[in-house]
Protein backbone atom coordinates (compact mmCIF):
# COMPACT_ATOMS: atom_id res chain seq x y z
CA MET A 1 -16.20 -10.44 32.15
CA ASP A 2 -15.97 -7.65 29.66
CA GLY A 3 -17.81 -8.62 26.50
CA GLU A 4 -19.65 -11.69 27.88
CA GLU A 5 -22.72 -11.01 25.86
CA CYS A 6 -20.33 -12.47 23.02
CA VAL A 7 -18.84 -15.55 24.84
CA CYS A 8 -19.48 -16.45 28.34
CA THR A 9 -16.55 -16.83 30.80
CA VAL A 10 -16.96 -20.70 31.02
CA CYS A 11 -17.01 -21.07 27.17
CA MET A 12 -13.70 -19.19 27.30
CA LEU A 13 -12.25 -21.53 29.66
CA MET A 14 -13.00 -23.98 27.14
CA LEU A 15 -11.16 -22.82 24.57
CA PRO A 16 -8.21 -24.88 22.90
CA ARG A 17 -5.60 -22.07 23.22
CA THR A 18 -2.58 -22.12 21.79
CA ASP A 19 -0.55 -19.77 24.24
CA TYR A 20 1.69 -18.68 21.43
CA HIS A 21 2.09 -15.20 22.85
CA LEU A 22 3.94 -16.96 25.85
CA LEU A 23 6.36 -18.57 23.80
CA GLU A 24 9.68 -16.99 22.81
CA HIS A 25 9.26 -18.29 19.13
CA SER A 26 5.80 -19.94 18.26
CA PRO A 27 5.42 -22.55 15.74
CA LEU A 28 3.52 -20.03 13.68
CA GLU A 29 6.46 -17.65 13.61
CA LYS A 30 8.97 -20.48 12.87
CA LYS A 31 6.73 -21.44 9.62
CA TYR A 32 7.91 -18.19 8.09
CA TRP A 33 11.69 -17.96 9.13
CA GLY A 34 13.93 -17.70 6.01
CA VAL A 35 10.79 -16.45 3.71
CA ILE A 36 9.61 -13.12 5.10
CA PRO A 37 11.16 -10.87 7.69
CA ILE A 38 9.06 -12.25 10.36
CA GLU A 39 9.41 -10.68 14.14
CA LYS A 40 6.67 -12.75 15.81
CA ALA A 41 3.43 -14.52 15.15
CA VAL A 42 0.80 -15.77 17.47
CA SER A 43 -2.74 -17.13 17.38
CA LEU A 44 -5.34 -17.34 20.24
CA PHE A 45 -6.80 -20.89 19.73
CA HIS A 46 -7.12 -24.07 17.61
CA HIS A 47 -9.98 -24.40 15.29
CA ASP A 48 -11.41 -27.37 17.43
CA GLY A 49 -14.48 -27.94 19.54
CA HIS A 50 -17.60 -26.43 19.89
CA VAL A 51 -16.94 -22.93 21.20
CA ALA A 52 -13.72 -22.24 18.90
CA ARG A 53 -15.83 -23.14 15.65
CA ARG A 54 -18.88 -20.93 16.77
CA ILE A 55 -16.68 -17.90 17.37
CA ILE A 56 -15.31 -18.28 13.94
CA TYR A 57 -18.32 -18.97 12.16
CA SER A 58 -20.32 -16.27 13.87
CA ILE A 59 -17.70 -13.78 12.68
CA LYS A 60 -17.36 -15.17 8.83
CA TYR A 61 -20.53 -16.46 8.13
CA TRP A 62 -23.09 -15.72 10.59
CA LYS A 63 -23.05 -11.70 10.43
CA ARG A 64 -21.67 -11.00 13.98
CA PRO A 65 -18.86 -8.14 13.31
CA ASP A 66 -19.31 -7.47 16.76
CA VAL A 67 -17.97 -10.72 17.90
CA GLY A 68 -15.01 -10.11 15.62
CA ARG A 69 -14.17 -6.83 17.39
CA TRP A 70 -14.99 -8.20 20.94
CA VAL A 71 -12.55 -11.23 20.16
CA GLY A 72 -9.89 -8.86 19.03
CA LYS A 73 -10.03 -6.79 22.06
CA PHE A 74 -9.80 -9.83 24.25
CA TYR A 75 -6.80 -11.13 22.78
CA ALA A 76 -4.99 -7.84 22.68
CA GLU A 77 -5.88 -7.18 26.31
CA GLU A 78 -4.54 -10.65 27.17
CA ILE A 79 -1.44 -10.36 25.41
CA LYS A 80 -0.60 -6.77 26.63
CA GLN A 81 -0.97 -7.87 29.91
CA LYS A 82 1.43 -10.61 29.87
CA THR A 83 3.83 -9.72 27.03
CA GLU A 84 5.24 -6.97 25.14
CA PHE A 85 4.17 -8.36 21.95
CA PHE A 86 2.94 -4.98 20.52
CA ASN A 87 6.04 -2.90 21.48
CA GLY A 88 7.70 -1.56 18.45
CA ILE A 89 4.59 -2.26 15.97
CA ASP A 90 4.05 0.68 13.93
CA THR A 91 0.53 -0.06 12.13
CA ILE A 92 -1.92 -2.85 11.54
CA ILE A 93 -3.02 -4.13 8.18
CA PRO A 94 -6.05 -6.46 8.48
CA ILE A 95 -6.03 -8.97 5.44
CA PRO A 96 -8.24 -6.96 2.80
CA LEU A 97 -11.54 -8.88 1.21
CA SER A 98 -12.51 -8.27 -2.68
CA TRP A 99 -15.23 -6.06 -3.15
CA HIS A 100 -17.36 -9.00 -4.08
CA ARG A 101 -16.71 -10.73 -0.87
CA ARG A 102 -17.12 -7.47 1.27
CA LEU A 103 -20.44 -6.47 -0.46
CA LYS A 104 -21.75 -9.97 0.14
CA ARG A 105 -20.71 -10.29 3.95
CA GLY A 106 -21.25 -6.39 4.72
CA TYR A 107 -17.74 -6.16 6.33
CA ASN A 108 -14.37 -7.42 6.48
CA GLN A 109 -14.06 -9.61 9.43
CA CYS A 110 -10.53 -8.97 9.87
CA TYR A 111 -10.83 -5.07 10.04
CA GLU A 112 -13.34 -5.76 12.81
CA ILE A 113 -10.63 -7.73 14.66
CA ALA A 114 -8.02 -4.86 13.97
CA LEU A 115 -10.27 -2.66 15.43
CA GLY A 116 -10.73 -4.60 18.38
CA ILE A 117 -6.97 -4.62 18.70
CA ASN A 118 -6.58 -0.76 18.11
CA ALA A 119 -8.97 -0.14 20.94
CA ILE A 120 -6.49 -1.78 23.57
CA THR A 121 -3.35 -1.00 21.97
CA GLY A 122 -3.84 2.27 20.06
CA ILE A 123 -1.79 1.28 16.94
CA PRO A 124 -3.53 2.74 14.10
CA ILE A 125 -5.06 0.59 11.28
CA CYS A 126 -3.81 0.99 7.85
CA ASP A 127 -6.46 -0.34 5.31
CA ASN A 128 -5.61 1.77 2.08
CA THR A 129 -2.34 -0.04 1.64
CA ILE A 130 -2.93 -3.53 0.61
CA LYS A 131 -5.81 -4.30 -1.90
CA ARG A 132 -7.19 -7.28 -2.85
CA ILE A 133 -7.44 -7.57 -6.70
CA LYS A 134 -8.82 -10.89 -7.36
CA ASN A 135 -11.78 -12.43 -6.12
CA ASN A 136 -10.15 -15.92 -5.49
CA PRO A 137 -12.74 -18.88 -4.70
CA SER A 138 -13.04 -19.81 -1.34
CA GLN A 139 -10.30 -21.96 0.26
CA THR A 140 -12.41 -23.76 2.32
CA THR A 141 -12.07 -27.38 0.62
CA MET A 142 -8.73 -26.76 -0.91
CA ASN A 143 -5.78 -28.68 -0.27
CA HIS A 144 -2.14 -27.13 0.71
CA ILE A 145 -1.47 -26.82 -3.11
CA GLU A 146 -4.46 -25.68 -4.36
CA ARG A 147 -4.47 -22.83 -1.48
CA LYS A 148 -0.90 -21.73 -2.53
CA GLU A 149 -1.90 -21.34 -6.08
CA ASN A 150 -5.21 -19.82 -5.21
CA VAL A 151 -3.79 -16.97 -3.21
CA GLU A 152 -0.68 -16.06 -5.97
CA GLY A 153 -1.21 -12.57 -7.18
CA ILE A 154 -4.40 -11.83 -5.59
CA PHE A 155 -2.93 -8.52 -3.47
CA LYS A 156 -1.59 -5.33 -4.72
CA LEU A 157 0.63 -2.76 -2.94
CA ASN A 158 -0.55 0.97 -2.87
CA ASN A 159 1.19 4.11 -1.17
CA PRO A 160 4.39 1.89 -0.14
CA SER A 161 5.39 5.27 1.76
CA ASN A 162 2.73 4.33 4.13
CA ILE A 163 4.80 1.39 5.56
CA ARG A 164 8.34 1.72 4.12
CA GLY A 165 10.68 1.39 7.27
CA LYS A 166 7.87 0.28 9.51
CA HIS A 167 6.89 -2.73 11.52
CA VAL A 168 3.89 -4.22 10.01
CA LEU A 169 1.40 -6.52 12.07
CA ILE A 170 -0.89 -8.26 9.70
CA VAL A 171 -4.21 -9.35 11.18
CA ASP A 172 -6.21 -12.43 10.07
CA ASP A 173 -9.08 -14.61 11.36
CA VAL A 174 -7.96 -18.05 10.62
CA THR A 175 -4.85 -19.60 9.46
CA THR A 176 -4.49 -23.09 7.77
CA THR A 177 -1.62 -23.35 5.56
CA GLY A 178 -0.56 -19.68 6.16
CA SER A 179 -0.73 -19.34 2.15
CA THR A 180 -2.65 -16.13 2.38
CA LEU A 181 -0.51 -14.26 4.93
CA LEU A 182 2.49 -15.24 2.97
CA SER A 183 1.16 -13.93 -0.26
CA CYS A 184 0.14 -10.53 1.59
CA ALA A 185 3.48 -10.20 3.27
CA LYS A 186 5.39 -10.57 0.36
CA GLU A 187 3.27 -7.76 -1.18
CA ILE A 188 4.09 -5.71 1.88
CA MET A 189 7.60 -6.56 1.56
CA LYS A 190 7.66 -4.39 -1.75
CA ALA A 191 7.41 -1.31 0.29
CA GLY A 192 11.16 -1.89 1.12
CA ASP A 193 12.62 -2.11 4.79
CA VAL A 194 9.53 -3.39 6.63
CA ARG A 195 9.45 -5.67 9.57
CA ILE A 196 6.21 -8.10 9.80
CA SER A 197 4.38 -9.61 12.64
CA ILE A 198 1.32 -11.83 12.41
CA LEU A 199 -1.80 -12.13 14.76
CA THR A 200 -4.61 -14.53 13.98
CA ILE A 201 -7.65 -15.56 15.97
CA SER A 202 -7.55 -19.27 15.04
CA LEU A 203 -5.63 -22.13 13.61
CA ALA A 204 -8.08 -23.84 11.41
CA SER A 205 -8.64 -27.65 11.09
CA LYS A 206 -10.48 -29.78 8.79
CA THR A 207 -13.81 -29.69 10.10
CA PRO A 208 -16.92 -28.98 7.99
CA ILE A 209 -19.02 -25.44 8.07
CA PRO A 210 -22.15 -25.64 9.47
CA LYS A 211 -25.07 -23.35 8.25
CA ALA A 212 -26.38 -20.55 10.44
CA GLY A 213 -28.15 -22.02 13.28
CA GLU A 214 -27.15 -25.68 12.61
CA GLU A 215 -26.32 -27.56 15.70
CA ILE A 216 -22.34 -28.26 15.71
CA ASP A 217 -21.10 -31.91 16.57
CA ASP A 218 -18.88 -31.29 19.65
CA SER A 219 -17.13 -34.75 18.61
CA LEU A 220 -15.62 -33.35 15.71
CA PHE A 221 -12.19 -32.56 16.46
CA GLY A 222 -9.45 -31.63 13.63
CA LEU A 223 -5.97 -31.72 13.58
CA PRO A 224 -4.23 -28.31 13.41
CA LEU A 225 -2.44 -27.88 10.37
CA ILE A 226 -0.13 -25.41 11.28
CA ASP A 227 1.86 -27.80 13.76
């Protein structure tokens, strides 16, 4: 399997997949109906179990941007083989990090995922249109209301002509309540005449974040909040 240096074939078979790309209207898409001009929204797996959590923690906390690029390619290839999801999408916008978090992590994991998607689809990445202007606290331990308040006004639209009249694909690593995606989408809408689709890797659940190298308890399973 291409990319088996990141995740083996057996582990990929163990992933708690959503199969949202096979649905006409996914639960993630329905979450944004009537709020933003959403076209479609998909996510690869639920953030439950050993393999799923290890992939996300590797991308976000264990300094493995290569895993981000690989999983972006993997998911894009799977979607492209089975659906027409990417047809008509003009540009990819990865959720931006604040300069402080980018400096600490060394990369933007969402941009790395977008690079993987770009490698399969050829859709260009537009990373100079939406900027993160506030270094908001981590949302890991926040509830729904706190997350919503935490992301208000954290994005700013630059060069709106870059996306005006276009179909934009917003890429994020993990969706919990969807507040960050919604905040970004609303700022994108200010460009005018935009259509929005969403692609994330994981739908998060309430599970603890281990430290690098720490053993993950396979018995810990959370309930995906998005459903």
